Structure formats: structure tokens, C-alpha cells
C-alpha atoms as a PDB file:
ATOM      1  CA  MET A   1     -19.301 -19.075   9.476  1.00  0.00           C
ATOM      2  CA  LYS A   2     -16.770 -17.336   6.980  1.00  0.00           C
ATOM      3  CA  TYR A   3     -18.220 -18.570   4.051  1.00  0.00           C
ATOM      4  CA  LYS A   4     -21.860 -17.465   4.402  1.00  0.00           C
ATOM      5  CA  LYS A   5     -20.509 -14.137   5.775  1.00  0.00           C
ATOM      6  CA  GLU A   6     -18.407 -13.562   2.669  1.00  0.00           C
ATOM      7  CA  LEU A   7     -21.017 -14.791   0.288  1.00  0.00           C
ATOM      8  CA  GLU A   8     -23.524 -12.217   2.003  1.00  0.00           C
ATOM      9  CA  GLU A   9     -21.029  -9.304   2.036  1.00  0.00           C
ATOM     10  CA  LYS A  10     -18.993  -9.720  -1.004  1.00  0.00           C
ATOM     11  CA  GLY A  11     -20.732 -12.124  -3.238  1.00  0.00           C
ATOM     12  CA  PHE A  12     -17.888 -14.863  -3.165  1.00  0.00           C
ATOM     13  CA  SER A  13     -15.561 -16.879  -1.065  1.00  0.00           C
ATOM     14  CA  VAL A  14     -12.593 -19.181  -1.827  1.00  0.00           C
ATOM     15  CA  GLU A  15     -11.399 -22.499   0.092  1.00  0.00           C
ATOM     16  CA  ASN A  16      -8.188 -23.494  -1.460  1.00  0.00           C
ATOM     17  CA  THR A  17      -7.760 -26.967  -0.121  1.00  0.00           C
ATOM     18  CA  VAL A  18     -10.928 -29.356  -0.718  1.00  0.00           C
ATOM     19  CA  PHE A  19     -10.353 -32.054  -3.160  1.00  0.00           C
ATOM     20  CA  SER A  20      -7.331 -34.346  -3.415  1.00  0.00           C
ATOM     21  CA  GLU A  21      -5.311 -35.199  -6.516  1.00  0.00           C
ATOM     22  CA  GLU A  22      -7.144 -38.496  -6.510  1.00  0.00           C
ATOM     23  CA  GLU A  23     -10.442 -37.399  -6.439  1.00  0.00           C
ATOM     24  CA  LEU A  24      -9.738 -34.937  -8.909  1.00  0.00           C
ATOM     25  CA  ASP A  25      -8.524 -37.699 -11.169  1.00  0.00           C
ATOM     26  CA  SER A  26     -11.636 -39.374 -10.600  1.00  0.00           C
ATOM     27  CA  PHE A  27     -13.772 -36.366 -11.921  1.00  0.00           C
ATOM     28  CA  ILE A  28     -11.568 -35.780 -14.702  1.00  0.00           C
ATOM     29  CA  ASP A  29     -11.864 -39.505 -15.906  1.00  0.00           C
ATOM     30  CA  ILE A  30     -15.493 -39.334 -15.758  1.00  0.00           C
ATOM     31  CA  ILE A  31     -15.534 -35.908 -17.698  1.00  0.00           C
ATOM     32  CA  GLU A  32     -12.818 -36.958 -20.247  1.00  0.00           C
ATOM     33  CA  ASN A  33     -14.837 -39.958 -21.305  1.00  0.00           C
ATOM     34  CA  SER A  34     -17.523 -37.759 -22.724  1.00  0.00           C
ATOM     35  CA  HIS A  35     -15.136 -36.506 -25.453  1.00  0.00           C
ATOM     36  CA  LYS A  36     -16.300 -33.003 -24.869  1.00  0.00           C
ATOM     37  CA  LYS A  37     -13.153 -30.419 -25.037  1.00  0.00           C
ATOM     38  CA  TYR A  38     -14.716 -27.011 -23.792  1.00  0.00           C
ATOM     39  CA  ALA A  39     -18.044 -27.591 -22.201  1.00  0.00           C
ATOM     40  CA  ILE A  40     -20.517 -30.179 -21.053  1.00  0.00           C
ATOM     41  CA  ARG A  41     -23.889 -28.756 -20.033  1.00  0.00           C
ATOM     42  CA  GLN A  42     -26.489 -30.990 -18.152  1.00  0.00           C
ATOM     43  CA  LEU A  43     -23.321 -32.433 -16.695  1.00  0.00           C
ATOM     44  CA  VAL A  44     -25.004 -34.419 -13.833  1.00  0.00           C
ATOM     45  CA  ASN A  45     -27.859 -35.367 -16.094  1.00  0.00           C
ATOM     46  CA  PHE A  46     -25.168 -37.252 -18.436  1.00  0.00           C
ATOM     47  CA  LYS A  47     -22.743 -38.258 -15.392  1.00  0.00           C
ATOM     48  CA  PRO A  48     -24.864 -38.640 -12.370  1.00  0.00           C
ATOM     49  CA  GLN A  49     -22.123 -40.427 -10.595  1.00  0.00           C
ATOM     50  CA  LEU A  50     -20.099 -37.225 -10.491  1.00  0.00           C
ATOM     51  CA  LEU A  51     -22.451 -35.584  -7.963  1.00  0.00           C
ATOM     52  CA  ASP A  52     -21.995 -38.775  -5.644  1.00  0.00           C
ATOM     53  CA  LEU A  53     -18.459 -38.462  -5.849  1.00  0.00           C
ATOM     54  CA  VAL A  54     -18.488 -34.881  -4.903  1.00  0.00           C
ATOM     55  CA  PHE A  55     -20.436 -35.322  -1.840  1.00  0.00           C
ATOM     56  CA  LYS A  56     -18.442 -38.510  -0.537  1.00  0.00           C
ATOM     57  CA  ASN A  57     -15.832 -35.537   0.310  1.00  0.00           C
ATOM     58  CA  ARG A  58     -16.547 -34.403   3.978  1.00  0.00           C
ATOM     59  CA  GLN A  59     -15.019 -31.173   3.800  1.00  0.00           C
ATOM     60  CA  PHE A  60     -17.143 -30.211   0.714  1.00  0.00           C
ATOM     61  CA  VAL A  61     -20.128 -31.563   2.681  1.00  0.00           C
ATOM     62  CA  SER A  62     -19.073 -29.224   5.443  1.00  0.00           C
ATOM     63  CA  LEU A  63     -18.528 -26.230   3.003  1.00  0.00           C
ATOM     64  CA  TYR A  64     -21.999 -26.884   1.718  1.00  0.00           C
ATOM     65  CA  GLN A  65     -23.749 -27.163   4.820  1.00  0.00           C
ATOM     66  CA  SER A  66     -22.293 -23.923   6.050  1.00  0.00           C
ATOM     67  CA  VAL A  67     -24.245 -22.030   3.142  1.00  0.00           C
ATOM     68  CA  CYS A  68     -27.047 -24.277   2.140  1.00  0.00           C
ATOM     69  CA  ASP A  69     -29.700 -26.077   4.273  1.00  0.00           C
ATOM     70  CA  GLU A  70     -31.845 -29.030   3.768  1.00  0.00           C
ATOM     71  CA  ASN A  71     -34.297 -27.043   1.368  1.00  0.00           C
ATOM     72  CA  TYR A  72     -31.614 -26.615  -1.509  1.00  0.00           C
ATOM     73  CA  PHE A  73     -31.021 -28.977  -4.445  1.00  0.00           C
ATOM     74  CA  LEU A  74     -29.050 -29.074  -7.763  1.00  0.00           C
ATOM     75  CA  SER A  75     -30.392 -26.685 -10.136  1.00  0.00           C
ATOM     76  CA  LYS A  76     -27.552 -26.634 -12.884  1.00  0.00           C
ATOM     77  CA  ALA A  77     -24.276 -28.449 -13.559  1.00  0.00           C
ATOM     78  CA  ILE A  78     -21.664 -27.517 -16.183  1.00  0.00           C
ATOM     79  CA  PHE A  79     -18.057 -28.390 -17.004  1.00  0.00           C
ATOM     80  CA  PHE A  80     -15.921 -25.643 -18.356  1.00  0.00           C
ATOM     81  CA  ASN A  81     -12.616 -25.791 -19.748  1.00  0.00           C
ATOM     82  CA  LYS A  82     -10.433 -22.946 -20.910  1.00  0.00           C
ATOM     83  CA  PRO A  83      -7.587 -24.712 -22.761  1.00  0.00           C
ATOM     84  CA  SER A  84      -3.964 -23.542 -23.000  1.00  0.00           C
ATOM     85  CA  GLN A  85      -3.309 -20.514 -24.855  1.00  0.00           C
ATOM     86  CA  SER A  86      -7.140 -19.635 -25.537  1.00  0.00           C
ATOM     87  CA  ASN A  87      -7.473 -16.594 -27.381  1.00  0.00           C
ATOM     88  CA  TRP A  88     -11.062 -15.702 -26.083  1.00  0.00           C
ATOM     89  CA  PHE A  89     -12.141 -13.728 -22.992  1.00  0.00           C
ATOM     90  CA  VAL A  90     -15.476 -13.412 -21.612  1.00  0.00           C
ATOM     91  CA  GLY A  91     -16.610  -9.788 -20.760  1.00  0.00           C
ATOM     92  CA  TYR A  92     -18.369  -8.750 -17.330  1.00  0.00           C
ATOM     93  CA  HIS A  93     -21.892 -10.593 -16.702  1.00  0.00           C
ATOM     94  CA  GLN A  94     -24.158 -11.961 -14.544  1.00  0.00           C
ATOM     95  CA  ASP A  95     -25.347 -15.532 -14.368  1.00  0.00           C
ATOM     96  CA  MET A  96     -29.015 -14.921 -14.932  1.00  0.00           C
ATOM     97  CA  SER A  97     -30.401 -17.771 -17.117  1.00  0.00           C
ATOM     98  CA  ILE A  98     -31.828 -20.983 -15.682  1.00  0.00           C
ATOM     99  CA  SER A  99     -32.301 -24.108 -17.308  1.00  0.00           C
ATOM    100  CA  VAL A 100     -35.953 -25.478 -17.271  1.00  0.00           C
ATOM    101  CA  LYS A 101     -38.130 -28.182 -18.689  1.00  0.00           C
ATOM    102  CA  ASN A 102     -41.222 -26.567 -20.115  1.00  0.00           C
ATOM    103  CA  LYS A 103     -42.085 -23.282 -21.349  1.00  0.00           C
ATOM    104  CA  VAL A 104     -44.680 -21.671 -19.059  1.00  0.00           C
ATOM    105  CA  GLU A 105     -45.617 -17.777 -19.570  1.00  0.00           C
ATOM    106  CA  LYS A 106     -45.546 -16.382 -16.092  1.00  0.00           C
ATOM    107  CA  ASP A 107     -44.871 -12.769 -14.905  1.00  0.00           C
ATOM    108  CA  GLY A 108     -41.267 -12.339 -13.954  1.00  0.00           C
ATOM    109  CA  TYR A 109     -39.870 -14.818 -16.206  1.00  0.00           C
ATOM    110  CA  THR A 110     -38.298 -13.293 -19.267  1.00  0.00           C
ATOM    111  CA  ASN A 111     -35.975 -13.578 -22.390  1.00  0.00           C
ATOM    112  CA  TRP A 112     -36.865 -17.193 -23.272  1.00  0.00           C
ATOM    113  CA  THR A 113     -34.048 -18.823 -25.191  1.00  0.00           C
ATOM    114  CA  SER A 114     -33.718 -22.368 -26.914  1.00  0.00           C
ATOM    115  CA  LYS A 115     -30.248 -23.671 -27.441  1.00  0.00           C
ATOM    116  CA  ASN A 116     -29.723 -27.276 -28.668  1.00  0.00           C
ATOM    117  CA  GLY A 117     -33.049 -28.145 -27.431  1.00  0.00           C
ATOM    118  CA  GLN A 118     -32.377 -26.758 -23.907  1.00  0.00           C
ATOM    119  CA  LEU A 119     -34.784 -24.149 -22.658  1.00  0.00           C
ATOM    120  CA  GLY A 120     -33.419 -21.253 -20.553  1.00  0.00           C
ATOM    121  CA  VAL A 121     -35.305 -18.267 -19.023  1.00  0.00           C
ATOM    122  CA  ILE A 122     -34.120 -15.350 -16.889  1.00  0.00           C
ATOM    123  CA  PRO A 123     -36.322 -15.863 -13.450  1.00  0.00           C
ATOM    124  CA  PRO A 124     -37.235 -13.160 -10.908  1.00  0.00           C
ATOM    125  CA  LYS A 125     -34.506 -11.780  -8.899  1.00  0.00           C
ATOM    126  CA  GLU A 126     -35.505 -13.625  -5.945  1.00  0.00           C
ATOM    127  CA  VAL A 127     -34.478 -17.006  -7.555  1.00  0.00           C
ATOM    128  CA  LEU A 128     -31.149 -15.814  -8.389  1.00  0.00           C
ATOM    129  CA  GLU A 129     -30.657 -14.411  -4.829  1.00  0.00           C
ATOM    130  CA  ASN A 130     -31.533 -17.985  -3.465  1.00  0.00           C
ATOM    131  CA  THR A 131     -29.103 -19.563  -5.594  1.00  0.00           C
ATOM    132  CA  ILE A 132     -25.417 -20.529  -4.607  1.00  0.00           C
ATOM    133  CA  THR A 133     -22.584 -21.581  -7.044  1.00  0.00           C
ATOM    134  CA  PHE A 134     -19.713 -23.981  -6.264  1.00  0.00           C
ATOM    135  CA  ARG A 135     -16.975 -23.882  -8.494  1.00  0.00           C
ATOM    136  CA  ILE A 136     -14.730 -26.672  -8.276  1.00  0.00           C
ATOM    137  CA  HIS A 137     -11.370 -26.180  -9.707  1.00  0.00           C
ATOM    138  CA  LEU A 138      -9.399 -28.924 -11.536  1.00  0.00           C
ATOM    139  CA  ASP A 139      -6.295 -26.865 -12.131  1.00  0.00           C
ATOM    140  CA  ASN A 140      -4.472 -24.151 -10.533  1.00  0.00           C
ATOM    141  CA  THR A 141      -6.125 -20.895 -11.729  1.00  0.00           C
ATOM    142  CA  ASP A 142      -4.445 -17.570 -11.950  1.00  0.00           C
ATOM    143  CA  GLU A 143      -3.984 -14.408 -14.164  1.00  0.00           C
ATOM    144  CA  THR A 144      -2.382 -16.534 -16.803  1.00  0.00           C
ATOM    145  CA  ASN A 145      -5.016 -18.916 -17.741  1.00  0.00           C
ATOM    146  CA  GLY A 146      -8.147 -17.160 -17.136  1.00  0.00           C
ATOM    147  CA  ALA A 147      -8.974 -16.898 -13.445  1.00  0.00           C
ATOM    148  CA  LEU A 148     -12.478 -15.110 -12.666  1.00  0.00           C
ATOM    149  CA  LYS A 149     -12.186 -11.258 -12.057  1.00  0.00           C
ATOM    150  CA  VAL A 150     -15.187 -10.049  -9.893  1.00  0.00           C
ATOM    151  CA  ILE A 151     -16.238  -6.722  -8.635  1.00  0.00           C
ATOM    152  CA  PRO A 152     -17.356  -7.424  -5.003  1.00  0.00           C
ATOM    153  CA  LYS A 153     -20.773  -6.549  -3.641  1.00  0.00           C
ATOM    154  CA  THR A 154     -22.237  -6.275  -7.223  1.00  0.00           C
ATOM    155  CA  HIS A 155     -24.503  -8.994  -6.460  1.00  0.00           C
ATOM    156  CA  THR A 156     -26.676  -6.803  -4.007  1.00  0.00           C
ATOM    157  CA  LYS A 157     -27.514  -4.466  -7.164  1.00  0.00           C
ATOM    158  CA  GLY A 158     -30.015  -6.792  -8.825  1.00  0.00           C
ATOM    159  CA  PHE A 159     -29.989  -6.773 -12.572  1.00  0.00           C
ATOM    160  CA  ILE A 160     -27.321  -5.039 -13.802  1.00  0.00           C
ATOM    161  CA  ARG A 161     -27.464  -3.638 -17.439  1.00  0.00           C
ATOM    162  CA  ILE A 162     -24.339  -4.157 -19.666  1.00  0.00           C
ATOM    163  CA  ASP A 163     -24.227  -2.041 -22.578  1.00  0.00           C
ATOM    164  CA  GLU A 164     -22.395   0.759 -24.346  1.00  0.00           C
ATOM    165  CA  ASN A 165     -22.773   2.906 -21.244  1.00  0.00           C
ATOM    166  CA  PHE A 166     -21.579   0.211 -18.678  1.00  0.00           C
ATOM    167  CA  GLU A 167     -18.409   1.135 -16.690  1.00  0.00           C
ATOM    168  CA  LYS A 168     -17.115  -1.256 -14.136  1.00  0.00           C
ATOM    169  CA  GLU A 169     -14.965   1.362 -12.546  1.00  0.00           C
ATOM    170  CA  ASN A 170     -18.220   2.943 -11.152  1.00  0.00           C
ATOM    171  CA  LEU A 171     -19.147  -0.182  -9.453  1.00  0.00           C
ATOM    172  CA  GLY A 172     -16.155  -0.812  -7.339  1.00  0.00           C
ATOM    173  CA  GLU A 173     -12.631  -2.135  -7.672  1.00  0.00           C
ATOM    174  CA  GLU A 174     -11.888  -5.347  -9.651  1.00  0.00           C
ATOM    175  CA  TYR A 175     -10.550  -8.572  -7.655  1.00  0.00           C
ATOM    176  CA  LEU A 176      -8.765 -11.391  -9.262  1.00  0.00           C
ATOM    177  CA  CYS A 177      -9.816 -14.739  -7.904  1.00  0.00           C
ATOM    178  CA  ASN A 178      -6.723 -16.984  -8.205  1.00  0.00           C
ATOM    179  CA  VAL A 179      -8.026 -20.703  -6.895  1.00  0.00           C
ATOM    180  CA  LYS A 180      -5.675 -23.667  -6.262  1.00  0.00           C
ATOM    181  CA  LYS A 181      -5.966 -26.934  -7.911  1.00  0.00           C
ATOM    182  CA  GLY A 182      -8.623 -28.705  -5.701  1.00  0.00           C
ATOM    183  CA  GLY A 183     -10.217 -25.660  -4.433  1.00  0.00           C
ATOM    184  CA  VAL A 184     -13.719 -24.473  -4.441  1.00  0.00           C
ATOM    185  CA  MET A 185     -14.988 -20.859  -5.207  1.00  0.00           C
ATOM    186  CA  LEU A 186     -18.388 -20.180  -3.971  1.00  0.00           C
ATOM    187  CA  MET A 187     -20.282 -17.308  -5.594  1.00  0.00           C
ATOM    188  CA  LYS A 188     -23.623 -15.520  -5.975  1.00  0.00           C
ATOM    189  CA  PRO A 189     -24.842 -15.820  -9.680  1.00  0.00           C
ATOM    190  CA  LEU A 190     -25.708 -11.896  -9.825  1.00  0.00           C
ATOM    191  CA  LEU A 191     -21.943 -11.041  -8.870  1.00  0.00           C
ATOM    192  CA  LEU A 192     -20.522  -9.471 -11.910  1.00  0.00           C
ATOM    193  CA  HIS A 193     -17.544 -11.566 -13.109  1.00  0.00           C
ATOM    194  CA  ALA A 194     -15.339 -11.770 -16.475  1.00  0.00           C
ATOM    195  CA  SER A 195     -12.517 -14.040 -17.459  1.00  0.00           C
ATOM    196  CA  ALA A 196      -9.419 -12.880 -19.591  1.00  0.00           C
ATOM    197  CA  LYS A 197      -7.654 -14.858 -22.344  1.00  0.00           C
ATOM    198  CA  SER A 198      -5.176 -17.735 -21.569  1.00  0.00           C
ATOM    199  CA  THR A 199      -1.553 -16.983 -21.888  1.00  0.00           C
ATOM    200  CA  SER A 200      -0.694 -20.256 -20.062  1.00  0.00           C
ATOM    201  CA  GLU A 201       0.401 -23.758 -21.191  1.00  0.00           C
ATOM    202  CA  PHE A 202      -2.200 -25.071 -18.746  1.00  0.00           C
ATOM    203  CA  ASP A 203      -5.934 -25.598 -18.967  1.00  0.00           C
ATOM    204  CA  ARG A 204      -8.300 -24.129 -16.520  1.00  0.00           C
ATOM    205  CA  ARG A 205     -11.078 -26.672 -15.921  1.00  0.00           C
ATOM    206  CA  VAL A 206     -13.886 -26.158 -13.606  1.00  0.00           C
ATOM    207  CA  ILE A 207     -16.910 -27.949 -12.518  1.00  0.00           C
ATOM    208  CA  HIS A 208     -19.743 -25.564 -11.930  1.00  0.00           C
ATOM    209  CA  LEU A 209     -22.605 -26.544  -9.788  1.00  0.00           C
ATOM    210  CA  GLU A 210     -25.465 -24.238  -9.042  1.00  0.00           C
ATOM    211  CA  PHE A 211     -27.995 -24.935  -5.926  1.00  0.00           C
ATOM    212  CA  CYS A 212     -31.144 -23.289  -5.384  1.00  0.00           C
ATOM    213  CA  ASN A 213     -34.096 -23.651  -2.861  1.00  0.00           C
ATOM    214  CA  LYS A 214     -36.805 -22.085  -4.919  1.00  0.00           C
ATOM    215  CA  GLU A 215     -39.409 -23.939  -7.018  1.00  0.00           C
ATOM    216  CA  ILE A 216     -40.531 -22.686 -10.236  1.00  0.00           C
ATOM    217  CA  PRO A 217     -43.584 -23.081 -12.476  1.00  0.00           C
ATOM    218  CA  MET A 218     -41.844 -24.351 -15.551  1.00  0.00           C
ATOM    219  CA  ASN A 219     -39.819 -26.946 -13.170  1.00  0.00           C
ATOM    220  CA  TRP A 220     -35.954 -27.347 -13.467  1.00  0.00           C
ATOM    221  CA  LEU A 221     -34.330 -29.322 -16.145  1.00  0.00           C
ATOM    222  CA  GLU A 222     -31.660 -30.393 -13.993  1.00  0.00           C
ATOM    223  CA  ARG A 223     -33.137 -30.641 -10.461  1.00  0.00           C
ATOM    224  CA  LYS A 224     -31.415 -33.258  -8.146  1.00  0.00           C
ATOM    225  CA  GLU A 225     -32.046 -33.879  -4.570  1.00  0.00           C
ATOM    226  CA  ILE A 226     -28.806 -33.799  -2.501  1.00  0.00           C
ATOM    227  CA  CYS A 227     -27.910 -36.843  -0.395  1.00  0.00           C
ATOM    228  CA  TYR A 228     -24.908 -37.170   1.901  1.00  0.00           C
END
């Protein structure tokens, strides 16, 4: 399948027509009832009905099945919004931290964090290599409102050190991921990605879902089986 091949080769893939206006309105109604403007972590823990609605869409299920088998489960869910005229940017990084239930010291698990009572840790590379992110776009996303910039194929380079010596030009050509409202971007967590400031009058709202097929000693905080 196209998506699996692009994920393996480039680290990302985009399908621009998945969810209808009606479905997006349902997502937004659920999310906006939370009274959180910029981000909601543990999204599905707080709004479990959201995952059910996502998997009612047969096109999304087909997309999911093209890259994930029956061993995959939800490992993380976040709602992000970059509101109109947002003056912050996010520099190049990899999504390395996972959310866990318990602190268990284990070889290969490093950089423990605790934010708002939520434990995070960087797992062995194998865990992240077996994770796939689905970004459901609730708005048209382009260069004016913080569309992701990525450097293709960097997901194959393991953990990349981002410091004063980091030069993205040495890792390949930057690509801007424009995604239409209702579209889905698939990506590997170790793909280098960034986001510019917004100069638009429009929000950039995204439902960020991560799926993995690896169990961990400290147990996943947000683990949910997938039913469709």
C-alpha cells in the first residue's frame, strides 16, 4: 500500500480526504466542551467517545489497517491547537517521550519526567520505531498557520542530537506538509519535524493519535484496545 511504503521510506504520508464536515463538527463539539484552548493531554482518557467516533469512519479504518495490524493499540492521544496569529514556533525535534503509569527503572528507558502528575520517559528506539502517529486535521493547514515542516527519511537515523551544532541542512531537504481540513497525516515519531509561527486568521487544530504494538515494563498510561 502507498501509505505503508511512504511511511517506511520517507517517515510520513498524507491523505487529504478522510473525515466529513459533520464528523469534524462532532469532534470539535466533544473537545470544546473541555474548555481547554491550546492542548488536551490524555485526550481519550478524558473523552473516550472520541476514539469510537474516529473508528466509525470506514476510510480511516482502511487507512489504519493499511499500516497497523491487530497487535497495535492506542498509546497516546493529544489535542493541539495553534490559534490564529500565534506568535510561537516549535523548533526541529523528534517525538521521543512516552506516557507511562509507573516508574520502573529499566535499561534503555531514560530521561524520566513528571509534568502535572503525568510520568514520561524516553524508551528504547525499538518502541518508537514501532509507533505510528495519525494527525487528524480539523482545519486547513498550510504555511500561514503552522503546518508541520519535516525532513524526510530522518526517522531512519535513530535519536538525533539537537544542540548548538545541529544543522538541519546536513540531514536533507525540508518539506512542508500542507493538509486539508478532514485530512490525516501519518508519521513516524522519530521523523524530525517543526512548526512555524502562525500569521493566519485561522486556527490549526489537530487530534494527535499514537498507536504502538510494543508492551513496556512500566505500562502505558493511555493504552486502549482498538475496536472497529
